[in-house]
């Protein structure tokens, strides 16, 4: 996913360290719905062993 021509405005971090697949799926889906309701674009989602990072932003205005 390219973030070229985008401005990062925030990051939402979910702690997934001790969760099962179903719980993680539910957490991420709820977070995505929450961000979409606020009309904030999701630029990227990155996952580590313990966290899920949802990178939030907006398009650059030239």
C-alpha atoms as a PDB file:
ATOM      1  CA  UNK A   1       0.000   0.000   0.000  1.00  0.00           C
ATOM      2  CA  UNK A   2       1.578   3.319  -1.082  1.00  0.00           C
ATOM      3  CA  UNK A   3       1.366   6.407   1.095  1.00  0.00           C
ATOM      4  CA  UNK A   4       2.811   8.623  -1.655  1.00  0.00           C
ATOM      5  CA  UNK A   5       0.875  11.911  -1.792  1.00  0.00           C
ATOM      6  CA  UNK A   6      -0.549  11.249   1.681  1.00  0.00           C
ATOM      7  CA  UNK A   7      -0.051  12.959   5.048  1.00  0.00           C
ATOM      8  CA  UNK A   8       0.052  10.788   8.177  1.00  0.00           C
ATOM      9  CA  UNK A   9      -2.186  12.412  10.795  1.00  0.00           C
ATOM     10  CA  UNK A  10      -2.203   9.710  13.464  1.00  0.00           C
ATOM     11  CA  UNK A  11      -1.760   6.092  14.429  1.00  0.00           C
ATOM     12  CA  UNK A  12      -4.195   3.781  16.203  1.00  0.00           C
ATOM     13  CA  UNK A  13      -2.421   0.946  18.051  1.00  0.00           C
ATOM     14  CA  UNK A  14      -4.128  -2.284  19.120  1.00  0.00           C
ATOM     15  CA  UNK A  15      -2.475  -4.630  21.630  1.00  0.00           C
ATOM     16  CA  UNK A  16      -2.894  -8.138  20.187  1.00  0.00           C
ATOM     17  CA  UNK A  17      -0.207  -9.874  22.272  1.00  0.00           C
ATOM     18  CA  UNK A  18      -2.348 -12.426  24.090  1.00  0.00           C
ATOM     19  CA  UNK A  19      -5.408 -12.589  21.862  1.00  0.00           C
ATOM     20  CA  UNK A  20      -6.689 -15.358  19.634  1.00  0.00           C
ATOM     21  CA  UNK A  21      -7.450 -14.953  15.948  1.00  0.00           C
ATOM     22  CA  UNK A  22     -11.193 -14.317  16.440  1.00  0.00           C
ATOM     23  CA  UNK A  23     -10.556 -11.681  19.124  1.00  0.00           C
ATOM     24  CA  UNK A  24      -7.953  -9.925  16.956  1.00  0.00           C
ATOM     25  CA  UNK A  25     -10.309  -9.966  13.979  1.00  0.00           C
ATOM     26  CA  UNK A  26     -13.068  -8.393  16.076  1.00  0.00           C
ATOM     27  CA  UNK A  27     -10.744  -5.735  17.521  1.00  0.00           C
ATOM     28  CA  UNK A  28      -9.412  -4.727  14.111  1.00  0.00           C
ATOM     29  CA  UNK A  29     -12.861  -4.690  12.500  1.00  0.00           C
ATOM     30  CA  UNK A  30     -14.233  -2.472  15.302  1.00  0.00           C
ATOM     31  CA  UNK A  31     -11.260  -0.111  15.009  1.00  0.00           C
ATOM     32  CA  UNK A  32     -11.707   0.146  11.225  1.00  0.00           C
ATOM     33  CA  UNK A  33     -15.435   0.868  11.608  1.00  0.00           C
ATOM     34  CA  UNK A  34     -14.712   3.533  14.238  1.00  0.00           C
ATOM     35  CA  UNK A  35     -12.170   5.264  11.994  1.00  0.00           C
ATOM     36  CA  UNK A  36     -14.468   5.055   8.954  1.00  0.00           C
ATOM     37  CA  UNK A  37     -17.348   6.613  10.931  1.00  0.00           C
ATOM     38  CA  UNK A  38     -15.053   9.564  11.661  1.00  0.00           C
ATOM     39  CA  UNK A  39     -14.306   9.734   7.899  1.00  0.00           C
ATOM     40  CA  UNK A  40     -10.555   9.402   8.480  1.00  0.00           C
ATOM     41  CA  UNK A  41      -8.702   7.598   5.680  1.00  0.00           C
ATOM     42  CA  UNK A  42      -6.661   4.525   6.628  1.00  0.00           C
ATOM     43  CA  UNK A  43      -3.326   4.739   4.831  1.00  0.00           C
ATOM     44  CA  UNK A  44      -1.801   1.463   5.985  1.00  0.00           C
ATOM     45  CA  UNK A  45      -2.044  -1.368   8.506  1.00  0.00           C
ATOM     46  CA  UNK A  46       1.110  -2.915   9.947  1.00  0.00           C
ATOM     47  CA  UNK A  47       1.264  -5.897  12.304  1.00  0.00           C
ATOM     48  CA  UNK A  48       3.965  -7.119  14.698  1.00  0.00           C
ATOM     49  CA  UNK A  49       3.870 -10.040  17.134  1.00  0.00           C
ATOM     50  CA  UNK A  50       2.261  -7.871  19.792  1.00  0.00           C
ATOM     51  CA  UNK A  51       0.615  -4.890  18.075  1.00  0.00           C
ATOM     52  CA  UNK A  52      -1.486  -3.828  15.118  1.00  0.00           C
ATOM     53  CA  UNK A  53      -0.798  -0.300  13.857  1.00  0.00           C
ATOM     54  CA  UNK A  54      -3.471   1.461  11.812  1.00  0.00           C
ATOM     55  CA  UNK A  55      -1.883   4.455  10.085  1.00  0.00           C
ATOM     56  CA  UNK A  56      -4.353   7.324   9.603  1.00  0.00           C
ATOM     57  CA  UNK A  57      -4.060  10.254   7.250  1.00  0.00           C
ATOM     58  CA  UNK A  58      -5.321  12.402   4.465  1.00  0.00           C
ATOM     59  CA  UNK A  59      -4.416  13.284   0.893  1.00  0.00           C
ATOM     60  CA  UNK A  60      -1.840  16.038   0.394  1.00  0.00           C
ATOM     61  CA  UNK A  61      -3.265  19.209  -1.048  1.00  0.00           C
ATOM     62  CA  UNK A  62      -0.883  20.640  -3.608  1.00  0.00           C
END
